[in-house]
Amino acid sequence: MRAALPLLKRAIRVVAADADLWTDATWVIDSTPVECGRSRPTVKRSDLAGWAGYGYCASHSKSSGDCRCI
């Protein structure tokens, strides 16, 4: 199985290079979400609280800085 790794990598590269996204200037990346505020006062005074859809959640012991999906 390990001997097939170089062949598999080459096959993936050939298929990827054939796709339109290979030369696209836009990169698609994934990152770890960052909390906007940990304390309730920080969340309440944030200018983005309403727009981003995050805020204090009474069911949790700390404020929820996660953005809600629409």
N, C-alpha and C. Protein backbone atom coordinates (compact mmCIF):
# COMPACT_ATOMS: atom_id res chain seq x y z
N MET A 1 0.82 -1.19 0.00
CA MET A 1 0.00 0.00 0.00
C MET A 1 0.87 1.26 0.00
N ARG A 2 1.93 1.25 0.82
CA ARG A 2 2.80 2.43 0.88
C ARG A 2 3.55 2.65 -0.43
N ALA A 3 3.82 1.57 -1.13
CA ALA A 3 4.52 1.68 -2.41
C ALA A 3 3.65 2.38 -3.46
N ALA A 4 2.35 2.33 -3.29
CA ALA A 4 1.42 2.96 -4.24
C ALA A 4 1.23 4.45 -3.97
N LEU A 5 1.75 4.97 -2.86
CA LEU A 5 1.53 6.37 -2.50
C LEU A 5 2.03 7.35 -3.56
N PRO A 6 3.24 7.22 -4.09
CA PRO A 6 3.67 8.15 -5.14
C PRO A 6 2.76 8.13 -6.37
N LEU A 7 2.30 6.96 -6.75
CA LEU A 7 1.40 6.84 -7.89
C LEU A 7 0.06 7.52 -7.60
N LEU A 8 -0.44 7.33 -6.39
CA LEU A 8 -1.70 7.95 -5.99
C LEU A 8 -1.57 9.47 -5.97
N LYS A 9 -0.46 9.98 -5.42
CA LYS A 9 -0.23 11.43 -5.39
C LYS A 9 -0.19 12.00 -6.81
N ARG A 10 0.48 11.29 -7.70
CA ARG A 10 0.57 11.76 -9.09
C ARG A 10 -0.80 11.76 -9.76
N ALA A 11 -1.59 10.73 -9.51
CA ALA A 11 -2.93 10.66 -10.09
C ALA A 11 -3.81 11.80 -9.59
N ILE A 12 -3.73 12.10 -8.30
CA ILE A 12 -4.52 13.20 -7.73
C ILE A 12 -4.08 14.53 -8.35
N ARG A 13 -2.76 14.71 -8.51
CA ARG A 13 -2.24 15.95 -9.08
C ARG A 13 -2.68 16.13 -10.53
N VAL A 14 -2.69 15.06 -11.30
CA VAL A 14 -3.11 15.13 -12.71
C VAL A 14 -4.59 15.51 -12.80
N VAL A 15 -5.41 14.89 -11.98
CA VAL A 15 -6.85 15.20 -11.98
C VAL A 15 -7.08 16.63 -11.51
N ALA A 16 -6.37 17.06 -10.47
CA ALA A 16 -6.53 18.42 -9.95
C ALA A 16 -6.07 19.46 -10.97
N ALA A 17 -4.97 19.20 -11.65
CA ALA A 17 -4.46 20.15 -12.65
C ALA A 17 -5.40 20.27 -13.84
N ASP A 18 -6.18 19.25 -14.08
CA ASP A 18 -7.13 19.28 -15.19
C ASP A 18 -8.38 20.09 -14.85
N ALA A 19 -8.61 20.33 -13.57
CA ALA A 19 -9.79 21.09 -13.13
C ALA A 19 -9.57 22.58 -13.34
N ASP A 20 -10.66 23.32 -13.53
CA ASP A 20 -10.58 24.77 -13.73
C ASP A 20 -10.06 25.50 -12.50
N LEU A 21 -10.29 24.94 -11.32
CA LEU A 21 -9.88 25.61 -10.09
C LEU A 21 -8.37 25.65 -9.90
N TRP A 22 -7.64 24.82 -10.63
CA TRP A 22 -6.19 24.75 -10.47
C TRP A 22 -5.54 26.10 -10.75
N THR A 23 -6.02 26.83 -11.75
CA THR A 23 -5.43 28.12 -12.14
C THR A 23 -6.24 29.30 -11.62
N ASP A 24 -7.26 29.06 -10.83
CA ASP A 24 -8.09 30.13 -10.30
C ASP A 24 -7.32 30.95 -9.28
N ALA A 25 -7.53 32.26 -9.29
CA ALA A 25 -6.83 33.15 -8.36
C ALA A 25 -7.43 33.11 -6.96
N THR A 26 -8.61 32.53 -6.80
CA THR A 26 -9.27 32.47 -5.50
C THR A 26 -8.88 31.19 -4.78
N TRP A 27 -8.49 31.34 -3.52
CA TRP A 27 -8.15 30.18 -2.70
C TRP A 27 -9.31 29.87 -1.78
N VAL A 28 -9.65 28.62 -1.65
CA VAL A 28 -10.68 28.19 -0.71
C VAL A 28 -9.97 27.54 0.47
N ILE A 29 -10.13 28.15 1.65
CA ILE A 29 -9.46 27.64 2.83
C ILE A 29 -10.46 27.47 3.96
N ASP A 30 -10.09 26.72 4.94
CA ASP A 30 -10.92 26.52 6.12
C ASP A 30 -10.08 26.87 7.33
N SER A 31 -10.67 27.54 8.27
CA SER A 31 -9.93 27.91 9.46
C SER A 31 -10.77 27.65 10.70
N THR A 32 -10.12 27.67 11.83
CA THR A 32 -10.80 27.48 13.09
C THR A 32 -11.57 28.75 13.43
N PRO A 33 -12.85 28.65 13.80
CA PRO A 33 -13.61 29.84 14.16
C PRO A 33 -13.02 30.52 15.40
N VAL A 34 -13.03 31.84 15.39
CA VAL A 34 -12.50 32.61 16.50
C VAL A 34 -13.67 33.29 17.19
N GLU A 35 -13.72 33.16 18.50
CA GLU A 35 -14.79 33.81 19.26
C GLU A 35 -14.63 35.32 19.20
N CYS A 36 -15.74 36.02 19.03
CA CYS A 36 -15.69 37.48 18.96
C CYS A 36 -15.60 38.10 20.34
N GLY A 37 -16.13 37.46 21.34
CA GLY A 37 -16.08 37.97 22.70
C GLY A 37 -16.42 36.88 23.68
N ARG A 38 -15.67 36.81 24.77
CA ARG A 38 -15.94 35.76 25.76
C ARG A 38 -16.90 36.23 26.85
N SER A 39 -16.79 37.46 27.27
CA SER A 39 -17.64 37.92 28.37
C SER A 39 -18.92 38.55 27.82
N ARG A 40 -19.95 38.54 28.63
CA ARG A 40 -21.23 39.11 28.23
C ARG A 40 -21.11 40.60 27.90
N PRO A 41 -20.41 41.42 28.74
CA PRO A 41 -20.26 42.84 28.40
C PRO A 41 -19.54 43.06 27.06
N THR A 42 -18.55 42.25 26.78
CA THR A 42 -17.83 42.40 25.51
C THR A 42 -18.75 42.12 24.34
N VAL A 43 -19.56 41.09 24.44
CA VAL A 43 -20.48 40.75 23.37
C VAL A 43 -21.52 41.84 23.19
N LYS A 44 -22.04 42.38 24.29
CA LYS A 44 -23.09 43.40 24.21
C LYS A 44 -22.59 44.71 23.61
N ARG A 45 -21.32 45.06 23.84
CA ARG A 45 -20.84 46.34 23.33
C ARG A 45 -20.24 46.24 21.93
N SER A 46 -20.20 45.05 21.38
CA SER A 46 -19.66 44.87 20.03
C SER A 46 -20.60 45.48 19.00
N ASP A 47 -20.03 46.18 18.03
CA ASP A 47 -20.83 46.78 16.95
C ASP A 47 -21.36 45.73 15.98
N LEU A 48 -20.76 44.55 15.98
CA LEU A 48 -21.16 43.50 15.05
C LEU A 48 -22.19 42.53 15.64
N ALA A 49 -22.58 42.72 16.89
CA ALA A 49 -23.43 41.75 17.57
C ALA A 49 -24.71 41.45 16.80
N GLY A 50 -25.41 42.46 16.33
CA GLY A 50 -26.65 42.23 15.59
C GLY A 50 -26.42 41.73 14.19
N TRP A 51 -25.43 42.29 13.50
CA TRP A 51 -25.16 41.92 12.11
C TRP A 51 -24.65 40.50 11.99
N ALA A 52 -23.70 40.12 12.85
CA ALA A 52 -23.09 38.79 12.76
C ALA A 52 -23.97 37.71 13.38
N GLY A 53 -24.91 38.09 14.22
CA GLY A 53 -25.82 37.13 14.80
C GLY A 53 -25.23 36.33 15.94
N TYR A 54 -24.26 36.91 16.66
CA TYR A 54 -23.75 36.20 17.82
C TYR A 54 -24.10 36.99 19.06
N GLY A 55 -23.99 36.35 20.19
CA GLY A 55 -24.32 37.05 21.42
C GLY A 55 -24.36 36.11 22.60
N TYR A 56 -24.91 36.59 23.69
CA TYR A 56 -24.97 35.83 24.92
C TYR A 56 -26.02 34.74 24.80
N CYS A 57 -25.69 33.56 25.24
CA CYS A 57 -26.63 32.44 25.23
C CYS A 57 -26.88 32.02 26.68
N ALA A 58 -28.11 32.16 27.14
CA ALA A 58 -28.44 31.87 28.53
C ALA A 58 -28.26 30.40 28.88
N SER A 59 -28.31 29.53 27.89
CA SER A 59 -28.18 28.10 28.19
C SER A 59 -26.74 27.67 28.41
N HIS A 60 -25.79 28.53 28.10
CA HIS A 60 -24.38 28.23 28.33
C HIS A 60 -23.84 29.08 29.47
N SER A 61 -22.80 28.60 30.10
CA SER A 61 -22.24 29.34 31.23
C SER A 61 -21.40 30.53 30.78
N LYS A 62 -21.02 30.57 29.51
CA LYS A 62 -20.27 31.70 28.99
C LYS A 62 -20.96 32.22 27.74
N SER A 63 -20.55 33.38 27.27
CA SER A 63 -21.16 33.94 26.08
C SER A 63 -20.79 33.11 24.86
N SER A 64 -21.68 33.09 23.93
CA SER A 64 -21.44 32.32 22.71
C SER A 64 -20.98 33.27 21.62
N GLY A 65 -19.75 33.16 21.20
CA GLY A 65 -19.21 34.03 20.17
C GLY A 65 -19.36 33.46 18.79
N ASP A 66 -19.99 32.30 18.67
CA ASP A 66 -20.14 31.68 17.36
C ASP A 66 -21.19 32.40 16.54
N CYS A 67 -20.92 32.59 15.28
CA CYS A 67 -21.89 33.20 14.37
C CYS A 67 -22.92 32.16 13.96
N ARG A 68 -24.15 32.61 13.82
CA ARG A 68 -25.22 31.71 13.40
C ARG A 68 -25.29 31.67 11.88
N CYS A 69 -25.54 30.52 11.34
CA CYS A 69 -25.72 30.39 9.89
C CYS A 69 -27.13 30.84 9.53
N ILE A 70 -27.25 31.47 8.39
CA ILE A 70 -28.55 31.97 7.95
C ILE A 70 -29.14 30.99 6.96
